[in-house]
C-alpha cells in the first residue's frame, strides 16, 4: 500500500519504472527500518543527555566561570587599563597637541604659504615661457621628422599587410584541416558514443536513482511510524512492568506501613526522646546548682562569710521621693 500522497495527474510511466519500483522499495524498507529505530533512539538519548548532563555541565564549567571572570576580572582590569591609558596617553597627548603641535603647525602653515607664493611666481614668470619655447621646438622637429619618415612608414605598412594576409591564409587552411581531422577522429565517435551508449545508460541510471531516492523517502517515513509505534509499545510495556507495580507497591504497601511506623514507633520514640532530654536537662541543672552550692559552702568554710556592703546614700532620691517641680522639697519652693 502506497502511503505517499499521489498528485492528481501523473505522466505515464514505462514498464522499467514499474518493474524497478516494488523490489527497490521492499529492499530499502527492510534496510531502513532498523536504521530509523536506532536513529530515533539516539535522538531521544541525545536530548536526555543534552538536557540533563551537558547543559548543566556547560553552565557550571563554562558559563559561570566566564561570568565570574568577566565581572571580577575583565571589567576591573579594563577600567584600570582605561584609567592608566587616560592618565598616561590621553592627557599627555592633549597637552602635546595643544601646546606643541598646534604652534608648530601654525608656523609650518605660514612657511608653506610663503613658499607656495614664491613657487607660483616662478611657475608663472619662468617655467611657463620656457615650456612654451620647448613645445614650439618639439612641434617643429616633429613636423620635419614626419615629412621624412612618411614614405618609409607607408612601405613598411604595405609589407606588413602582405605578410599578415599570407599568414592568415596559411593559418586558415591549417585550421580547416585540423578541424576536419578532429571532427572525423574525435567528435563523430564521441557523438556516437554519447547518443547510442551514454544517453540510454544515463536514462536507466536516472530512473533507478529516482526510484531509489523515492523509495528511501517512503521507507524513512514508514520507518518513522514503525519507530513511533515501537517506542510507544516499549514505553507502555515499561510502564506496566515497572512503573505501575512500583507505584502500586508504594501506594498500597509502603505508604500504610510508613504511616503505621510513624504513628506506632517514630512518634512514641520521639516523645520518649524529648522526655529523656527534659529529664536530663533538669538533672544537669540540679547537679550544676548542687555543685555551685557546695563550692560556695566550701568557700565560706575556708574564708568565712563575706560581709555585706553597707548601702550608701545616693544623691538623687528614689521611688516616690524623686524631686519634681510640683514638690515642696525642691530648693525653689522650699519654705
C-alpha atoms as a PDB file:
ATOM      1  CA  UNK A   1       0.000   0.000   0.000  1.00  0.00           C
ATOM      2  CA  UNK A   2       1.450   3.335  -1.041  1.00  0.00           C
ATOM      3  CA  UNK A   3       1.229   5.789   1.854  1.00  0.00           C
ATOM      4  CA  UNK A   4       2.558   8.726  -0.153  1.00  0.00           C
ATOM      5  CA  UNK A   5       0.149  11.385  -1.262  1.00  0.00           C
ATOM      6  CA  UNK A   6      -0.218  10.990  -5.017  1.00  0.00           C
ATOM      7  CA  UNK A   7      -0.710  14.034  -7.267  1.00  0.00           C
ATOM      8  CA  UNK A   8      -3.901  14.479  -9.238  1.00  0.00           C
ATOM      9  CA  UNK A   9      -2.258  13.823 -12.617  1.00  0.00           C
ATOM     10  CA  UNK A  10       0.843  11.773 -13.353  1.00  0.00           C
ATOM     11  CA  UNK A  11       2.674  11.226 -16.563  1.00  0.00           C
ATOM     12  CA  UNK A  12       2.545   7.688 -17.951  1.00  0.00           C
ATOM     13  CA  UNK A  13       5.392   5.555 -16.656  1.00  0.00           C
ATOM     14  CA  UNK A  14       7.262   2.893 -18.533  1.00  0.00           C
ATOM     15  CA  UNK A  15       7.447  -0.763 -17.676  1.00  0.00           C
ATOM     16  CA  UNK A  16      11.043  -0.338 -16.480  1.00  0.00           C
ATOM     17  CA  UNK A  17       9.974   2.136 -13.789  1.00  0.00           C
ATOM     18  CA  UNK A  18       7.149  -0.083 -12.598  1.00  0.00           C
ATOM     19  CA  UNK A  19       9.412  -3.164 -12.597  1.00  0.00           C
ATOM     20  CA  UNK A  20      12.086  -1.396 -10.547  1.00  0.00           C
ATOM     21  CA  UNK A  21       9.859   0.367  -8.005  1.00  0.00           C
ATOM     22  CA  UNK A  22       8.374  -2.518  -5.957  1.00  0.00           C
ATOM     23  CA  UNK A  23      11.589  -4.558  -5.357  1.00  0.00           C
ATOM     24  CA  UNK A  24      13.584  -1.431  -4.592  1.00  0.00           C
ATOM     25  CA  UNK A  25      11.011  -0.203  -2.069  1.00  0.00           C
ATOM     26  CA  UNK A  26      10.834  -3.583  -0.335  1.00  0.00           C
ATOM     27  CA  UNK A  27      14.633  -3.875  -0.031  1.00  0.00           C
ATOM     28  CA  UNK A  28      15.050  -0.268   1.076  1.00  0.00           C
ATOM     29  CA  UNK A  29      12.252  -0.603   3.663  1.00  0.00           C
ATOM     30  CA  UNK A  30      13.893  -3.705   5.163  1.00  0.00           C
ATOM     31  CA  UNK A  31      17.235  -1.876   5.339  1.00  0.00           C
ATOM     32  CA  UNK A  32      15.927   1.479   6.574  1.00  0.00           C
ATOM     33  CA  UNK A  33      13.621   0.355   9.421  1.00  0.00           C
ATOM     34  CA  UNK A  34      16.470  -0.710  11.811  1.00  0.00           C
ATOM     35  CA  UNK A  35      18.410   2.417  10.937  1.00  0.00           C
ATOM     36  CA  UNK A  36      15.385   4.640  11.692  1.00  0.00           C
ATOM     37  CA  UNK A  37      14.703   2.854  15.005  1.00  0.00           C
ATOM     38  CA  UNK A  38      18.342   3.240  16.063  1.00  0.00           C
ATOM     39  CA  UNK A  39      18.305   6.879  14.897  1.00  0.00           C
ATOM     40  CA  UNK A  40      15.177   7.718  16.928  1.00  0.00           C
ATOM     41  CA  UNK A  41      16.686   6.010  19.975  1.00  0.00           C
ATOM     42  CA  UNK A  42      19.891   8.002  19.601  1.00  0.00           C
ATOM     43  CA  UNK A  43      17.856  11.214  19.214  1.00  0.00           C
ATOM     44  CA  UNK A  44      15.971  10.536  22.453  1.00  0.00           C
ATOM     45  CA  UNK A  45      19.215   9.632  24.268  1.00  0.00           C
ATOM     46  CA  UNK A  46      20.925  12.742  22.902  1.00  0.00           C
ATOM     47  CA  UNK A  47      18.096  15.019  24.046  1.00  0.00           C
ATOM     48  CA  UNK A  48      18.169  13.430  27.510  1.00  0.00           C
ATOM     49  CA  UNK A  49      21.957  13.859  27.766  1.00  0.00           C
ATOM     50  CA  UNK A  50      21.715  17.438  26.472  1.00  0.00           C
ATOM     51  CA  UNK A  51      19.031  18.494  28.951  1.00  0.00           C
ATOM     52  CA  UNK A  52      20.247  16.502  31.972  1.00  0.00           C
ATOM     53  CA  UNK A  53      24.043  16.388  31.651  1.00  0.00           C
ATOM     54  CA  UNK A  54      25.584  18.628  29.017  1.00  0.00           C
ATOM     55  CA  UNK A  55      23.590  21.798  29.688  1.00  0.00           C
ATOM     56  CA  UNK A  56      24.210  21.806  33.493  1.00  0.00           C
ATOM     57  CA  UNK A  57      27.874  20.938  32.900  1.00  0.00           C
ATOM     58  CA  UNK A  58      28.117  23.741  30.333  1.00  0.00           C
ATOM     59  CA  UNK A  59      26.640  26.192  32.814  1.00  0.00           C
ATOM     60  CA  UNK A  60      28.890  25.023  35.671  1.00  0.00           C
ATOM     61  CA  UNK A  61      32.127  24.621  33.713  1.00  0.00           C
ATOM     62  CA  UNK A  62      31.849  27.402  31.120  1.00  0.00           C
ATOM     63  CA  UNK A  63      29.078  29.955  31.676  1.00  0.00           C
ATOM     64  CA  UNK A  64      29.530  30.665  35.382  1.00  0.00           C
ATOM     65  CA  UNK A  65      33.384  30.813  35.236  1.00  0.00           C
ATOM     66  CA  UNK A  66      33.135  33.151  32.245  1.00  0.00           C
ATOM     67  CA  UNK A  67      30.616  35.367  34.067  1.00  0.00           C
ATOM     68  CA  UNK A  68      32.787  35.451  37.194  1.00  0.00           C
ATOM     69  CA  UNK A  69      35.920  36.123  35.111  1.00  0.00           C
ATOM     70  CA  UNK A  70      34.171  38.888  33.180  1.00  0.00           C
ATOM     71  CA  UNK A  71      32.606  40.505  36.240  1.00  0.00           C
ATOM     72  CA  UNK A  72      35.515  40.295  38.660  1.00  0.00           C
ATOM     73  CA  UNK A  73      38.491  40.104  36.291  1.00  0.00           C
ATOM     74  CA  UNK A  74      37.996  41.637  32.879  1.00  0.00           C
ATOM     75  CA  UNK A  75      35.783  44.582  33.859  1.00  0.00           C
ATOM     76  CA  UNK A  76      38.021  45.857  36.736  1.00  0.00           C
ATOM     77  CA  UNK A  77      41.130  45.264  34.606  1.00  0.00           C
ATOM     78  CA  UNK A  78      39.579  47.133  31.679  1.00  0.00           C
ATOM     79  CA  UNK A  79      38.632  50.045  33.957  1.00  0.00           C
ATOM     80  CA  UNK A  80      42.176  50.145  35.367  1.00  0.00           C
ATOM     81  CA  UNK A  81      43.698  49.992  31.885  1.00  0.00           C
ATOM     82  CA  UNK A  82      41.331  52.724  30.694  1.00  0.00           C
ATOM     83  CA  UNK A  83      42.290  54.954  33.619  1.00  0.00           C
ATOM     84  CA  UNK A  84      46.002  54.319  33.014  1.00  0.00           C
ATOM     85  CA  UNK A  85      45.558  54.992  29.302  1.00  0.00           C
ATOM     86  CA  UNK A  86      43.799  58.248  30.076  1.00  0.00           C
ATOM     87  CA  UNK A  87      46.471  59.322  32.563  1.00  0.00           C
ATOM     88  CA  UNK A  88      49.487  58.120  30.572  1.00  0.00           C
ATOM     89  CA  UNK A  89      48.350  58.739  26.974  1.00  0.00           C
ATOM     90  CA  UNK A  90      45.250  60.904  26.524  1.00  0.00           C
ATOM     91  CA  UNK A  91      46.159  63.744  28.887  1.00  0.00           C
ATOM     92  CA  UNK A  92      49.841  63.968  27.704  1.00  0.00           C
ATOM     93  CA  UNK A  93      48.714  63.709  24.064  1.00  0.00           C
ATOM     94  CA  UNK A  94      46.185  66.519  24.568  1.00  0.00           C
ATOM     95  CA  UNK A  95      48.837  68.686  26.234  1.00  0.00           C
ATOM     96  CA  UNK A  96      51.344  67.925  23.435  1.00  0.00           C
ATOM     97  CA  UNK A  97      48.758  68.741  20.747  1.00  0.00           C
ATOM     98  CA  UNK A  98      47.645  71.952  22.423  1.00  0.00           C
ATOM     99  CA  UNK A  99      50.984  73.426  23.471  1.00  0.00           C
ATOM    100  CA  UNK A 100      53.493  71.926  20.982  1.00  0.00           C
ATOM    101  CA  UNK A 101      51.932  70.643  17.757  1.00  0.00           C
ATOM    102  CA  UNK A 102      49.451  73.484  17.294  1.00  0.00           C
ATOM    103  CA  UNK A 103      52.097  76.275  17.403  1.00  0.00           C
ATOM    104  CA  UNK A 104      54.459  74.217  15.216  1.00  0.00           C
ATOM    105  CA  UNK A 105      51.606  73.578  12.735  1.00  0.00           C
ATOM    106  CA  UNK A 106      50.793  77.297  12.544  1.00  0.00           C
ATOM    107  CA  UNK A 107      54.453  78.042  11.836  1.00  0.00           C
ATOM    108  CA  UNK A 108      54.703  75.354   9.163  1.00  0.00           C
ATOM    109  CA  UNK A 109      51.490  76.605   7.546  1.00  0.00           C
ATOM    110  CA  UNK A 110      52.841  80.178   7.440  1.00  0.00           C
ATOM    111  CA  UNK A 111      56.094  78.925   5.904  1.00  0.00           C
ATOM    112  CA  UNK A 112      54.254  76.848   3.311  1.00  0.00           C
ATOM    113  CA  UNK A 113      52.048  79.783   2.346  1.00  0.00           C
ATOM    114  CA  UNK A 114      55.134  81.919   1.725  1.00  0.00           C
ATOM    115  CA  UNK A 115      56.915  79.139  -0.185  1.00  0.00           C
ATOM    116  CA  UNK A 116      53.771  78.494  -2.276  1.00  0.00           C
ATOM    117  CA  UNK A 117      53.622  82.150  -3.305  1.00  0.00           C
ATOM    118  CA  UNK A 118      57.273  82.025  -4.428  1.00  0.00           C
ATOM    119  CA  UNK A 119      56.697  78.807  -6.376  1.00  0.00           C
ATOM    120  CA  UNK A 120      53.610  80.257  -8.090  1.00  0.00           C
ATOM    121  CA  UNK A 121      55.635  83.291  -9.195  1.00  0.00           C
ATOM    122  CA  UNK A 122      58.453  81.053 -10.513  1.00  0.00           C
ATOM    123  CA  UNK A 123      55.924  78.876 -12.426  1.00  0.00           C
ATOM    124  CA  UNK A 124      54.153  81.869 -13.955  1.00  0.00           C
ATOM    125  CA  UNK A 125      57.212  84.004 -14.802  1.00  0.00           C
ATOM    126  CA  UNK A 126      59.912  81.420 -15.545  1.00  0.00           C
ATOM    127  CA  UNK A 127      58.681  77.873 -16.184  1.00  0.00           C
ATOM    128  CA  UNK A 128      55.683  78.790 -18.366  1.00  0.00           C
ATOM    129  CA  UNK A 129      57.712  80.743 -21.018  1.00  0.00           C
ATOM    130  CA  UNK A 130      60.403  78.074 -21.039  1.00  0.00           C
ATOM    131  CA  UNK A 131      57.733  75.362 -21.528  1.00  0.00           C
ATOM    132  CA  UNK A 132      56.146  77.251 -24.403  1.00  0.00           C
ATOM    133  CA  UNK A 133      59.513  77.536 -26.133  1.00  0.00           C
ATOM    134  CA  UNK A 134      60.290  73.849 -25.692  1.00  0.00           C
ATOM    135  CA  UNK A 135      56.814  72.913 -27.023  1.00  0.00           C
ATOM    136  CA  UNK A 136      57.364  75.110 -30.168  1.00  0.00           C
ATOM    137  CA  UNK A 137      60.756  73.481 -30.765  1.00  0.00           C
ATOM    138  CA  UNK A 138      59.381  69.940 -30.346  1.00  0.00           C
ATOM    139  CA  UNK A 139      56.500  70.733 -32.740  1.00  0.00           C
ATOM    140  CA  UNK A 140      58.920  71.897 -35.452  1.00  0.00           C
ATOM    141  CA  UNK A 141      61.175  68.867 -35.064  1.00  0.00           C
ATOM    142  CA  UNK A 142      58.105  66.552 -35.229  1.00  0.00           C
ATOM    143  CA  UNK A 143      56.925  68.170 -38.491  1.00  0.00           C
ATOM    144  CA  UNK A 144      60.367  67.671 -40.087  1.00  0.00           C
ATOM    145  CA  UNK A 145      60.574  64.028 -38.952  1.00  0.00           C
ATOM    146  CA  UNK A 146      57.025  63.328 -40.195  1.00  0.00           C
ATOM    147  CA  UNK A 147      57.907  64.722 -43.711  1.00  0.00           C
ATOM    148  CA  UNK A 148      60.995  62.497 -43.783  1.00  0.00           C
ATOM    149  CA  UNK A 149      59.634  59.162 -42.427  1.00  0.00           C
ATOM    150  CA  UNK A 150      56.135  59.100 -44.001  1.00  0.00           C
ATOM    151  CA  UNK A 151      57.131  57.241 -47.287  1.00  0.00           C
ATOM    152  CA  UNK A 152      59.224  54.741 -45.310  1.00  0.00           C
ATOM    153  CA  UNK A 153      56.319  54.062 -42.941  1.00  0.00           C
ATOM    154  CA  UNK A 154      53.893  53.506 -45.817  1.00  0.00           C
ATOM    155  CA  UNK A 155      56.257  50.955 -47.405  1.00  0.00           C
ATOM    156  CA  UNK A 156      56.662  49.135 -44.122  1.00  0.00           C
ATOM    157  CA  UNK A 157      52.880  49.099 -43.596  1.00  0.00           C
ATOM    158  CA  UNK A 158      52.305  47.653 -47.132  1.00  0.00           C
ATOM    159  CA  UNK A 159      54.841  44.866 -46.477  1.00  0.00           C
ATOM    160  CA  UNK A 160      53.273  44.128 -43.082  1.00  0.00           C
ATOM    161  CA  UNK A 161      49.807  43.847 -44.676  1.00  0.00           C
ATOM    162  CA  UNK A 162      51.111  41.361 -47.271  1.00  0.00           C
ATOM    163  CA  UNK A 163      52.793  39.229 -44.631  1.00  0.00           C
ATOM    164  CA  UNK A 164      49.651  39.304 -42.454  1.00  0.00           C
ATOM    165  CA  UNK A 165      47.462  38.209 -45.444  1.00  0.00           C
ATOM    166  CA  UNK A 166      49.810  35.320 -46.213  1.00  0.00           C
ATOM    167  CA  UNK A 167      49.957  34.217 -42.571  1.00  0.00           C
ATOM    168  CA  UNK A 168      46.150  34.449 -42.284  1.00  0.00           C
ATOM    169  CA  UNK A 169      45.675  32.317 -45.412  1.00  0.00           C
ATOM    170  CA  UNK A 170      48.105  29.665 -44.187  1.00  0.00           C
ATOM    171  CA  UNK A 171      46.557  29.638 -40.702  1.00  0.00           C
ATOM    172  CA  UNK A 172      43.043  29.360 -42.142  1.00  0.00           C
ATOM    173  CA  UNK A 173      43.986  26.372 -44.263  1.00  0.00           C
ATOM    174  CA  UNK A 174      45.755  24.643 -41.355  1.00  0.00           C
ATOM    175  CA  UNK A 175      42.786  25.367 -39.070  1.00  0.00           C
ATOM    176  CA  UNK A 176      40.274  23.924 -41.542  1.00  0.00           C
ATOM    177  CA  UNK A 177      42.393  20.788 -41.971  1.00  0.00           C
ATOM    178  CA  UNK A 178      42.758  20.351 -38.191  1.00  0.00           C
ATOM    179  CA  UNK A 179      39.011  20.939 -37.720  1.00  0.00           C
ATOM    180  CA  UNK A 180      38.040  18.151 -40.133  1.00  0.00           C
ATOM    181  CA  UNK A 181      40.664  15.808 -38.733  1.00  0.00           C
ATOM    182  CA  UNK A 182      39.437  16.415 -35.166  1.00  0.00           C
ATOM    183  CA  UNK A 183      35.804  16.103 -36.266  1.00  0.00           C
ATOM    184  CA  UNK A 184      36.388  12.786 -38.011  1.00  0.00           C
ATOM    185  CA  UNK A 185      38.684  11.272 -35.384  1.00  0.00           C
ATOM    186  CA  UNK A 186      37.188  12.689 -32.153  1.00  0.00           C
ATOM    187  CA  UNK A 187      33.855  14.476 -32.468  1.00  0.00           C
ATOM    188  CA  UNK A 188      31.915  11.936 -34.532  1.00  0.00           C
ATOM    189  CA  UNK A 189      32.997   8.905 -32.403  1.00  0.00           C
ATOM    190  CA  UNK A 190      32.311  10.833 -29.202  1.00  0.00           C
ATOM    191  CA  UNK A 191      28.907  11.919 -30.509  1.00  0.00           C
ATOM    192  CA  UNK A 192      28.031   8.338 -31.462  1.00  0.00           C
ATOM    193  CA  UNK A 193      29.206   7.086 -28.066  1.00  0.00           C
ATOM    194  CA  UNK A 194      27.122   9.757 -26.291  1.00  0.00           C
ATOM    195  CA  UNK A 195      23.993   9.215 -28.389  1.00  0.00           C
ATOM    196  CA  UNK A 196      23.907   5.424 -28.604  1.00  0.00           C
ATOM    197  CA  UNK A 197      25.506   4.373 -25.293  1.00  0.00           C
ATOM    198  CA  UNK A 198      25.794   7.045 -22.599  1.00  0.00           C
ATOM    199  CA  UNK A 199      22.332   8.577 -23.053  1.00  0.00           C
ATOM    200  CA  UNK A 200      20.409   5.257 -22.706  1.00  0.00           C
ATOM    201  CA  UNK A 201      22.578   4.153 -19.768  1.00  0.00           C
ATOM    202  CA  UNK A 202      22.130   7.564 -18.137  1.00  0.00           C
ATOM    203  CA  UNK A 203      18.360   7.378 -18.543  1.00  0.00           C
ATOM    204  CA  UNK A 204      18.284   3.932 -16.947  1.00  0.00           C
ATOM    205  CA  UNK A 205      20.523   5.107 -14.093  1.00  0.00           C
ATOM    206  CA  UNK A 206      18.375   8.231 -13.657  1.00  0.00           C
ATOM    207  CA  UNK A 207      15.237   6.090 -13.382  1.00  0.00           C
ATOM    208  CA  UNK A 208      16.966   3.768 -10.897  1.00  0.00           C
ATOM    209  CA  UNK A 209      18.336   6.668  -8.882  1.00  0.00           C
ATOM    210  CA  UNK A 210      14.986   8.464  -8.778  1.00  0.00           C
ATOM    211  CA  UNK A 211      13.209   5.318  -7.683  1.00  0.00           C
ATOM    212  CA  UNK A 212      15.852   4.588  -5.050  1.00  0.00           C
ATOM    213  CA  UNK A 213      15.562   8.163  -3.736  1.00  0.00           C
ATOM    214  CA  UNK A 214      11.750   7.970  -3.663  1.00  0.00           C
ATOM    215  CA  UNK A 215      11.973   4.567  -2.010  1.00  0.00           C
ATOM    216  CA  UNK A 216      14.336   5.957   0.633  1.00  0.00           C
ATOM    217  CA  UNK A 217      11.942   8.788   1.432  1.00  0.00           C
ATOM    218  CA  UNK A 218       8.965   6.458   1.502  1.00  0.00           C
ATOM    219  CA  UNK A 219      10.801   3.906   3.659  1.00  0.00           C
ATOM    220  CA  UNK A 220      12.068   6.636   6.012  1.00  0.00           C
ATOM    221  CA  UNK A 221       8.537   7.881   6.623  1.00  0.00           C
ATOM    222  CA  UNK A 222       7.166   4.364   7.149  1.00  0.00           C
ATOM    223  CA  UNK A 223      10.113   3.582   9.434  1.00  0.00           C
ATOM    224  CA  UNK A 224       9.256   6.706  11.425  1.00  0.00           C
ATOM    225  CA  UNK A 225       5.728   5.421  12.016  1.00  0.00           C
ATOM    226  CA  UNK A 226       7.090   1.984  12.914  1.00  0.00           C
ATOM    227  CA  UNK A 227       9.682   3.507  15.257  1.00  0.00           C
ATOM    228  CA  UNK A 228       6.995   5.632  16.926  1.00  0.00           C
ATOM    229  CA  UNK A 229       4.794   2.583  17.408  1.00  0.00           C
ATOM    230  CA  UNK A 230       7.716   0.551  18.796  1.00  0.00           C
ATOM    231  CA  UNK A 231       8.661   3.399  21.145  1.00  0.00           C
ATOM    232  CA  UNK A 232       5.110   3.733  22.423  1.00  0.00           C
ATOM    233  CA  UNK A 233       4.877  -0.048  22.873  1.00  0.00           C
ATOM    234  CA  UNK A 234       8.145  -0.149  24.821  1.00  0.00           C
ATOM    235  CA  UNK A 235       7.096   2.860  26.919  1.00  0.00           C
ATOM    236  CA  UNK A 236       3.741   1.203  27.704  1.00  0.00           C
ATOM    237  CA  UNK A 237       5.479  -2.098  28.455  1.00  0.00           C
ATOM    238  CA  UNK A 238       7.950  -0.352  30.772  1.00  0.00           C
ATOM    239  CA  UNK A 239       5.095   1.456  32.457  1.00  0.00           C
ATOM    240  CA  UNK A 240       3.075  -1.691  33.092  1.00  0.00           C
ATOM    241  CA  UNK A 241       6.078  -3.857  34.026  1.00  0.00           C
ATOM    242  CA  UNK A 242       7.979  -1.414  36.237  1.00  0.00           C
ATOM    243  CA  UNK A 243       6.270   1.926  36.902  1.00  0.00           C
ATOM    244  CA  UNK A 244       2.784   0.721  37.744  1.00  0.00           C
ATOM    245  CA  UNK A 245       3.993  -2.124  40.061  1.00  0.00           C
ATOM    246  CA  UNK A 246       6.332   0.269  41.837  1.00  0.00           C
ATOM    247  CA  UNK A 247       3.527   2.810  42.187  1.00  0.00           C
ATOM    248  CA  UNK A 248       1.130   0.122  43.446  1.00  0.00           C
ATOM    249  CA  UNK A 249       3.685  -1.164  45.969  1.00  0.00           C
ATOM    250  CA  UNK A 250       4.390   2.380  47.145  1.00  0.00           C
ATOM    251  CA  UNK A 251       0.722   3.346  47.392  1.00  0.00           C
ATOM    252  CA  UNK A 252      -0.663   0.042  48.737  1.00  0.00           C
ATOM    253  CA  UNK A 253       2.149  -1.285  50.937  1.00  0.00           C
ATOM    254  CA  UNK A 254       4.844   1.246  51.696  1.00  0.00           C
ATOM    255  CA  UNK A 255       2.581   4.216  52.475  1.00  0.00           C
ATOM    256  CA  UNK A 256       0.382   2.387  55.060  1.00  0.00           C
ATOM    257  CA  UNK A 257       3.454   0.709  56.563  1.00  0.00           C
ATOM    258  CA  UNK A 258       5.170   4.072  56.758  1.00  0.00           C
ATOM    259  CA  UNK A 259       2.141   5.636  58.450  1.00  0.00           C
ATOM    260  CA  UNK A 260       2.000   2.740  60.944  1.00  0.00           C
ATOM    261  CA  UNK A 261       5.712   3.021  61.678  1.00  0.00           C
ATOM    262  CA  UNK A 262       5.367   6.768  62.050  1.00  0.00           C
ATOM    263  CA  UNK A 263       2.367   6.560  64.420  1.00  0.00           C
ATOM    264  CA  UNK A 264       3.398   3.451  66.373  1.00  0.00           C
ATOM    265  CA  UNK A 265       7.200   3.681  66.514  1.00  0.00           C
ATOM    266  CA  UNK A 266       8.615   7.030  65.490  1.00  0.00           C
ATOM    267  CA  UNK A 267       6.257   9.359  67.371  1.00  0.00           C
ATOM    268  CA  UNK A 268       6.494   7.431  70.702  1.00  0.00           C
ATOM    269  CA  UNK A 269      10.265   7.216  70.284  1.00  0.00           C
ATOM    270  CA  UNK A 270      10.403  10.956  69.584  1.00  0.00           C
ATOM    271  CA  UNK A 271       8.206  11.722  72.618  1.00  0.00           C
ATOM    272  CA  UNK A 272      10.346   9.441  74.777  1.00  0.00           C
ATOM    273  CA  UNK A 273      13.499  11.094  73.474  1.00  0.00           C
ATOM    274  CA  UNK A 274      12.058  14.552  74.239  1.00  0.00           C
ATOM    275  CA  UNK A 275      11.056  13.385  77.737  1.00  0.00           C
ATOM    276  CA  UNK A 276      14.501  11.925  78.346  1.00  0.00           C
ATOM    277  CA  UNK A 277      16.005  15.170  77.150  1.00  0.00           C
ATOM    278  CA  UNK A 278      13.861  17.237  79.510  1.00  0.00           C
ATOM    279  CA  UNK A 279      14.700  14.930  82.453  1.00  0.00           C
ATOM    280  CA  UNK A 280      18.376  15.001  81.547  1.00  0.00           C
ATOM    281  CA  UNK A 281      18.394  18.804  81.329  1.00  0.00           C
ATOM    282  CA  UNK A 282      16.605  19.072  84.661  1.00  0.00           C
ATOM    283  CA  UNK A 283      19.090  16.624  86.259  1.00  0.00           C
ATOM    284  CA  UNK A 284      22.004  18.531  84.822  1.00  0.00           C
ATOM    285  CA  UNK A 285      20.599  21.856  86.075  1.00  0.00           C
ATOM    286  CA  UNK A 286      20.082  20.329  89.546  1.00  0.00           C
ATOM    287  CA  UNK A 287      23.590  18.861  89.568  1.00  0.00           C
ATOM    288  CA  UNK A 288      25.032  22.180  88.426  1.00  0.00           C
ATOM    289  CA  UNK A 289      23.164  24.042  91.155  1.00  0.00           C
ATOM    290  CA  UNK A 290      24.336  21.469  93.759  1.00  0.00           C
ATOM    291  CA  UNK A 291      27.948  21.872  92.650  1.00  0.00           C
ATOM    292  CA  UNK A 292      27.621  25.675  92.814  1.00  0.00           C
ATOM    293  CA  UNK A 293      26.136  25.494  96.334  1.00  0.00           C
ATOM    294  CA  UNK A 294      28.824  23.056  97.521  1.00  0.00           C
ATOM    295  CA  UNK A 295      31.525  25.315  96.156  1.00  0.00           C
ATOM    296  CA  UNK A 296      30.018  28.319  97.938  1.00  0.00           C
ATOM    297  CA  UNK A 297      29.799  26.351 101.228  1.00  0.00           C
ATOM    298  CA  UNK A 298      33.416  25.231 100.905  1.00  0.00           C
ATOM    299  CA  UNK A 299      34.498  28.844 100.279  1.00  0.00           C
ATOM    300  CA  UNK A 300      32.612  30.059 103.375  1.00  0.00           C
ATOM    301  CA  UNK A 301      34.177  27.269 105.453  1.00  0.00           C
ATOM    302  CA  UNK A 302      37.704  28.295 104.413  1.00  0.00           C
ATOM    303  CA  UNK A 303      37.490  32.087 104.281  1.00  0.00           C
ATOM    304  CA  UNK A 304      34.417  32.817 106.354  1.00  0.00           C
ATOM    305  CA  UNK A 305      31.269  34.580 105.377  1.00  0.00           C
ATOM    306  CA  UNK A 306      31.784  37.749 103.371  1.00  0.00           C
ATOM    307  CA  UNK A 307      30.468  40.973 104.881  1.00  0.00           C
ATOM    308  CA  UNK A 308      27.646  42.590 103.073  1.00  0.00           C
ATOM    309  CA  UNK A 309      28.388  46.035 101.733  1.00  0.00           C
ATOM    310  CA  UNK A 310      26.668  48.887 103.517  1.00  0.00           C
ATOM    311  CA  UNK A 311      24.188  50.808 101.485  1.00  0.00           C
ATOM    312  CA  UNK A 312      25.464  54.261 100.505  1.00  0.00           C
ATOM    313  CA  UNK A 313      23.086  57.148 100.324  1.00  0.00           C
ATOM    314  CA  UNK A 314      22.551  58.194  96.738  1.00  0.00           C
ATOM    315  CA  UNK A 315      22.483  61.807  95.658  1.00  0.00           C
ATOM    316  CA  UNK A 316      19.112  61.503  93.935  1.00  0.00           C
ATOM    317  CA  UNK A 317      16.080  60.211  95.816  1.00  0.00           C
ATOM    318  CA  UNK A 318      14.478  57.013  94.536  1.00  0.00           C
ATOM    319  CA  UNK A 319      10.898  55.882  94.222  1.00  0.00           C
ATOM    320  CA  UNK A 320       8.301  58.292  95.424  1.00  0.00           C
ATOM    321  CA  UNK A 321      10.946  60.708  96.881  1.00  0.00           C
ATOM    322  CA  UNK A 322      12.156  61.898  93.479  1.00  0.00           C
ATOM    323  CA  UNK A 323      12.226  65.635  93.012  1.00  0.00           C
ATOM    324  CA  UNK A 324       9.551  67.234  90.878  1.00  0.00           C
ATOM    325  CA  UNK A 325       8.614  70.837  90.110  1.00  0.00           C
ATOM    326  CA  UNK A 326       5.363  70.444  91.990  1.00  0.00           C
ATOM    327  CA  UNK A 327       7.018  69.072  95.151  1.00  0.00           C
ATOM    328  CA  UNK A 328       7.678  71.369  98.075  1.00  0.00           C
ATOM    329  CA  UNK A 329      11.036  69.698  98.729  1.00  0.00           C
ATOM    330  CA  UNK A 330      12.782  71.432  95.857  1.00  0.00           C
ATOM    331  CA  UNK A 331      15.158  74.297  96.544  1.00  0.00           C
ATOM    332  CA  UNK A 332      12.981  76.832  94.722  1.00  0.00           C
ATOM    333  CA  UNK A 333       9.719  76.135  96.554  1.00  0.00           C
ATOM    334  CA  UNK A 334      11.076  75.120  99.950  1.00  0.00           C
ATOM    335  CA  UNK A 335       9.929  77.438 102.682  1.00  0.00           C
END
